[in-house]
Protein backbone atom coordinates (compact mmCIF):
# COMPACT_ATOMS: atom_id res chain seq x y z
CA MET A 1 -0.06 -0.12 -0.09
CA ALA A 2 1.22 3.53 -0.88
CA THR A 3 0.12 7.23 -0.32
CA ALA A 4 -1.03 8.90 -3.46
CA SER A 5 2.29 10.90 -5.24
CA ALA A 6 3.02 13.25 -7.88
CA PRO A 7 2.68 10.69 -11.06
CA ALA A 8 5.49 9.73 -14.01
CA ALA A 9 2.60 11.43 -16.38
CA GLN A 10 5.29 11.56 -19.20
CA ASP A 11 5.01 7.37 -19.54
CA ALA A 12 1.77 7.02 -21.21
CA ASP A 13 2.71 3.22 -21.74
CA ALA A 14 2.70 2.77 -17.58
CA HIS A 15 0.41 5.71 -17.00
CA PRO A 16 -2.67 6.26 -19.29
CA VAL A 17 -4.19 8.43 -16.87
CA ALA A 18 -2.20 10.60 -14.49
CA LEU A 19 -3.23 13.66 -12.02
CA ALA A 20 -0.73 15.84 -10.18
CA GLY A 21 -2.03 18.75 -7.67
CA ILE A 22 -5.69 18.21 -8.58
CA ARG A 23 -8.12 21.13 -6.71
CA THR A 24 -12.29 21.08 -7.88
CA CYS A 25 -14.33 23.56 -6.06
CA PHE A 26 -17.88 24.22 -7.08
CA GLY A 27 -18.13 27.91 -5.29
CA ALA A 28 -16.20 27.70 -1.90
CA THR A 29 -16.78 24.75 -1.62
CA CYS A 30 -13.63 22.06 -2.56
CA ILE A 31 -14.01 18.22 -2.81
CA HIS A 32 -10.31 17.85 -4.15
CA ASP A 33 -7.47 19.52 -2.88
CA GLY A 34 -3.71 18.57 -3.83
CA LEU A 35 -4.90 14.86 -5.07
CA ASP A 36 -2.48 13.18 -7.24
CA LEU A 37 -3.01 9.51 -8.87
CA SER A 38 -1.11 7.31 -11.21
CA VAL A 39 -3.35 4.90 -13.58
CA ARG A 40 -1.25 1.63 -14.37
CA HIS A 41 -1.75 0.87 -17.75
CA GLY A 42 -3.65 -2.72 -17.94
CA GLU A 43 -5.21 -2.85 -14.25
CA ILE A 44 -8.42 -2.14 -13.01
CA LEU A 45 -8.30 0.49 -10.52
CA ALA A 46 -11.02 1.78 -8.67
CA LEU A 47 -12.24 4.84 -6.89
CA VAL A 48 -14.06 5.34 -3.92
CA GLY A 49 -14.95 7.42 -0.79
CA ALA A 50 -17.62 8.23 1.53
CA SER A 51 -20.75 9.85 -0.91
CA GLY A 52 -19.72 13.74 -1.74
CA SER A 53 -16.04 12.87 -1.86
CA GLY A 54 -16.17 13.49 -5.76
CA LYS A 55 -15.27 10.16 -7.67
CA SER A 56 -17.94 10.67 -10.32
CA VAL A 57 -16.07 14.29 -10.83
CA LEU A 58 -12.92 12.63 -10.68
CA LEU A 59 -14.04 10.06 -13.32
CA ARG A 60 -14.91 13.25 -15.58
CA GLU A 61 -11.67 15.11 -14.96
CA MET A 62 -9.55 11.59 -16.61
CA ILE A 63 -11.25 11.76 -19.75
CA LEU A 64 -11.41 15.36 -20.03
CA LEU A 65 -15.22 16.00 -20.11
CA GLN A 66 -14.54 18.22 -17.23
CA ARG A 67 -12.01 20.60 -16.09
CA PRO A 68 -10.17 20.68 -12.62
CA THR A 69 -9.54 24.12 -10.79
CA ALA A 70 -6.37 23.87 -10.81
CA GLY A 71 -3.57 20.83 -11.28
CA THR A 72 -2.29 18.89 -13.77
CA VAL A 73 -4.05 15.98 -15.83
CA TRP A 74 -2.35 13.87 -18.55
CA LEU A 75 -4.43 11.54 -20.53
CA PHE A 76 -2.05 8.94 -22.76
CA GLY A 77 0.51 11.10 -21.77
CA GLU A 78 -0.88 14.33 -23.00
CA ASP A 79 -1.07 17.26 -21.11
CA ALA A 80 -4.80 18.46 -21.28
CA ALA A 81 -3.79 22.03 -19.91
CA GLY A 82 -2.37 22.64 -23.60
CA LEU A 83 -4.43 20.82 -25.96
CA GLY A 84 -7.47 22.59 -28.10
CA GLU A 85 -10.97 21.08 -28.58
CA SER A 86 -9.89 19.27 -31.47
CA ASP A 87 -6.68 17.03 -29.57
CA ALA A 88 -8.49 16.76 -26.81
CA ASN A 89 -11.38 15.19 -28.47
CA ARG A 90 -8.91 12.87 -30.16
CA LEU A 91 -8.10 11.66 -27.00
CA ARG A 92 -11.33 11.04 -25.62
CA ARG A 93 -12.21 9.00 -28.60
CA ARG A 94 -9.17 6.78 -27.24
CA THR A 95 -11.61 6.27 -24.07
CA GLY A 96 -15.18 4.47 -23.17
CA ILE A 97 -17.19 5.63 -20.46
CA MET A 98 -20.52 3.45 -18.91
CA PHE A 99 -22.49 6.23 -16.98
CA GLN A 100 -24.33 5.33 -13.28
CA GLN A 101 -27.72 5.12 -14.99
CA GLY A 102 -26.64 3.75 -18.37
CA ALA A 103 -27.70 7.15 -19.75
CA LEU A 104 -29.18 5.08 -23.16
CA PHE A 105 -31.55 7.49 -25.58
CA ASN A 106 -34.90 6.35 -24.66
CA ALA A 107 -35.91 6.89 -28.19
CA LEU A 108 -33.57 4.57 -29.84
CA SER A 109 -33.38 0.58 -29.97
CA VAL A 110 -30.16 -0.97 -28.23
CA VAL A 111 -28.35 -1.27 -31.59
CA GLU A 112 -28.99 2.34 -32.30
CA ASN A 113 -27.91 3.41 -29.04
CA ILE A 114 -24.20 1.22 -29.71
CA ALA A 115 -24.08 2.71 -32.89
CA VAL A 116 -24.07 6.70 -31.74
CA PRO A 117 -20.18 6.79 -31.08
CA LEU A 118 -19.24 5.11 -34.40
CA LYS A 119 -21.77 7.32 -36.34
CA GLU A 120 -20.40 10.56 -34.35
CA GLN A 121 -16.64 10.20 -34.49
CA THR A 122 -15.83 8.02 -37.89
CA ASP A 123 -17.21 8.18 -41.33
CA LEU A 124 -17.87 4.80 -41.81
CA SER A 125 -21.13 3.67 -43.43
CA ASP A 126 -24.22 2.61 -42.08
CA ALA A 127 -23.86 -1.37 -43.00
CA VAL A 128 -20.39 -1.56 -41.12
CA ILE A 129 -21.16 0.70 -38.55
CA ARG A 130 -24.52 -2.16 -37.71
CA ASP A 131 -22.32 -4.84 -38.20
CA ILE A 132 -19.66 -3.26 -35.20
CA ALA A 133 -22.61 -2.39 -32.90
CA MET A 134 -24.32 -6.23 -33.23
CA LEU A 135 -20.48 -7.20 -32.11
CA LYS A 136 -20.19 -5.23 -29.47
CA LEU A 137 -23.75 -6.52 -28.53
CA LEU A 138 -22.62 -9.67 -28.81
CA LEU A 139 -19.54 -9.41 -26.83
CA VAL A 140 -21.24 -8.35 -23.70
CA GLY A 141 -23.33 -11.36 -23.80
CA LEU A 142 -27.18 -9.84 -25.41
CA PRO A 143 -28.98 -11.50 -27.41
CA ALA A 144 -29.49 -10.55 -30.97
CA ASP A 145 -32.75 -9.95 -30.74
CA ALA A 146 -32.14 -7.81 -28.26
CA ALA A 147 -30.83 -5.14 -30.73
CA GLY A 148 -34.32 -4.24 -32.00
CA LYS A 149 -35.42 -3.78 -28.56
CA LEU A 150 -35.79 0.25 -26.93
CA PRO A 151 -34.36 0.81 -23.32
CA SER A 152 -37.62 0.59 -21.37
CA GLN A 153 -38.06 -3.29 -22.77
CA LEU A 154 -34.57 -4.45 -20.88
CA SER A 155 -33.76 -5.71 -18.07
CA GLY A 156 -31.76 -3.87 -15.57
CA GLY A 157 -28.91 -6.27 -16.37
CA MET A 158 -29.65 -6.10 -20.09
CA HIS A 159 -29.24 -2.05 -19.69
CA LYS A 160 -26.37 -2.35 -18.15
CA ARG A 161 -24.87 -4.53 -20.64
CA ALA A 162 -26.00 -2.27 -23.79
CA ALA A 163 -24.55 0.64 -22.05
CA LEU A 164 -21.23 -1.42 -21.53
CA ALA A 165 -21.36 -2.34 -24.92
CA ARG A 166 -21.69 1.59 -26.83
CA ALA A 167 -18.86 2.51 -24.06
CA LEU A 168 -16.84 -0.33 -25.84
CA ALA A 169 -17.93 0.58 -29.69
CA MET A 170 -14.77 2.84 -30.64
CA ASP A 171 -12.56 0.22 -29.16
CA PRO A 172 -11.10 2.40 -26.25
CA ASP A 173 -7.88 1.96 -24.79
CA LEU A 174 -9.34 3.41 -21.55
CA LEU A 175 -12.77 2.08 -20.03
CA VAL A 176 -14.43 4.30 -17.56
CA LEU A 177 -17.12 2.62 -15.41
CA ASP A 178 -19.29 5.28 -12.99
CA GLU A 179 -20.84 2.42 -10.35
CA PRO A 180 -21.72 0.14 -13.07
CA GLY A 181 -23.37 -2.81 -10.72
CA THR A 182 -26.14 -0.08 -8.80
CA GLY A 183 -29.56 -1.32 -9.26
CA LEU A 184 -28.62 -4.88 -9.83
CA ASP A 185 -29.45 -8.13 -7.48
CA PRO A 186 -26.72 -9.64 -6.49
CA VAL A 187 -26.96 -12.36 -8.90
CA GLY A 188 -26.73 -9.45 -12.17
CA ALA A 189 -23.93 -7.68 -9.96
CA ASP A 190 -21.68 -10.78 -9.86
CA ALA A 191 -22.46 -11.44 -13.65
CA LEU A 192 -21.47 -8.13 -14.35
CA ASP A 193 -18.26 -8.47 -12.21
CA GLU A 194 -17.62 -11.26 -14.08
CA LEU A 195 -18.54 -9.97 -17.59
CA ILE A 196 -16.03 -6.64 -16.46
CA ARG A 197 -13.08 -9.03 -15.67
CA ASP A 198 -13.02 -11.32 -18.43
CA LEU A 199 -13.67 -7.77 -21.26
CA HIS A 200 -10.28 -6.64 -19.21
CA GLY A 201 -8.45 -9.83 -20.27
CA ALA A 202 -9.57 -10.46 -23.40
CA LEU A 203 -9.51 -6.93 -24.96
CA GLY A 204 -6.03 -5.88 -22.64
CA LEU A 205 -8.02 -2.57 -21.23
CA THR A 206 -7.25 -0.41 -18.81
CA VAL A 207 -10.00 0.15 -16.44
CA VAL A 208 -10.82 2.79 -13.93
CA MET A 209 -14.45 2.55 -11.86
CA THR A 210 -16.41 3.99 -8.58
CA THR A 211 -18.40 1.01 -6.88
CA HIS A 212 -19.93 1.16 -3.27
CA ASP A 213 -19.98 -2.58 -3.66
CA VAL A 214 -17.27 -4.00 -1.64
CA SER A 215 -17.76 -7.66 -3.27
CA THR A 216 -16.38 -5.96 -6.39
CA LEU A 217 -13.27 -4.78 -5.28
CA TRP A 218 -12.70 -7.82 -3.99
CA ARG A 219 -13.44 -9.76 -7.31
CA VAL A 220 -12.47 -7.43 -9.67
CA CYS A 221 -9.93 -4.84 -8.71
CA ASP A 222 -6.18 -4.76 -8.73
CA ARG A 223 -6.27 -1.65 -7.10
CA VAL A 224 -8.16 0.45 -5.29
CA ALA A 225 -7.91 4.20 -4.45
CA PHE A 226 -9.70 5.69 -1.30
CA LEU A 227 -10.79 9.11 -1.59
CA ALA A 228 -10.77 11.02 2.00
CA GLN A 229 -10.00 14.39 3.03
CA ARG A 230 -10.18 15.70 -0.73
CA ARG A 231 -7.08 13.77 -1.60
CA ILE A 232 -6.10 10.40 -2.81
CA TRP A 233 -5.80 8.89 1.26
CA ALA A 234 -4.11 5.45 0.14
CA VAL A 235 -3.63 3.41 -3.31
CA GLY A 236 -3.23 -0.60 -2.78
CA THR A 237 -4.73 -3.89 -2.84
CA MET A 238 -8.41 -4.79 -1.51
CA GLU A 239 -5.87 -6.74 1.15
CA GLN A 240 -3.44 -3.92 2.23
CA LEU A 241 -6.24 -1.21 2.81
CA SER A 242 -8.01 -3.80 4.73
CA ASP A 243 -5.21 -4.86 7.05
CA SER A 244 -3.78 -1.15 6.89
CA ASP A 245 -3.83 -0.45 10.65
CA ASP A 246 -4.35 3.60 9.35
CA PRO A 247 -7.67 4.36 11.35
CA VAL A 248 -9.52 6.20 8.41
CA LEU A 249 -8.99 3.19 6.13
CA ALA A 250 -9.85 0.75 8.85
CA ASP A 251 -12.91 2.69 9.77
CA TYR A 252 -14.20 1.93 5.86
CA PHE A 253 -12.67 -1.22 4.73
CA ARG A 254 -13.36 -3.59 8.46
CA GLY A 255 -16.53 -3.46 8.26
CA PRO A 256 -18.48 -6.64 8.44
CA ARG A 257 -19.88 -6.51 4.61
CA SER A 258 -16.35 -5.70 3.34
CA GLN A 259 -15.25 -8.76 5.98
CA ALA A 260 -18.21 -11.29 4.22
CA ALA A 261 -16.80 -10.05 0.66
CA ARG A 262 -13.21 -11.12 1.85
CA GLY A 263 -14.14 -14.50 2.44
CA LEU A 264 -16.33 -14.93 -0.57
CA ALA A 265 -13.79 -13.90 -2.72
CA TRP A 266 -11.56 -16.17 -0.98
CA ASN A 267 -13.70 -19.01 -1.32
CA ARG A 268 -14.40 -18.01 -4.90
CA GLY A 269 -11.09 -18.54 -5.73
């Protein structure tokens, strides 16, 4: 386990995302202040912390959807502060994001939703775009007959998979997941965890996620970054964070739910 330190941001192969001295304020309220974090290539990293600690905001800053008040964001080795909109969009195309509630367009079918990034960001023909969208649909475990359904016709688990397929539409190097398991029952959440881990391995993705589900932290994540007191308090494996004598970490990671999830993770393998 380590406390966060200023990242070696220039090495994009080692650190697809690096943050240094991030300060994020909304009026007089600052939710990040002096925050440093590096995301390693090919890992699954979770951001955790109390509600209101700014996890989702930090995700948006990582992928250049929001600018911090101060500090530096490097995405794939490039300093976001020096980028024009065209170059920023070039880097955004290398990322895929699955929003907390899915954010599917209600008036579009599943396959049309998946195709949205391809229509906006490429010059491919409609036929090729549909073929790619169908491939992504199947990749996330949806049946082919789900393609023509509207989001309102999907179960919760299918809705999440459709949103994940859209996040993968552009073959991203970096996949960002904001509370992917929210609203799912335990069986559905476990299935989504397994899918994320399988896709990570098969596609060689770097994954950054937020989650409140301690089972997901134990089963899926390589490292966990804990936000407290407006910065990254500590980064490490779940074992390292859970076994720490730091009272702030102990309060969060040694509760009954976390310990029960730890036992289940060990029993599963």
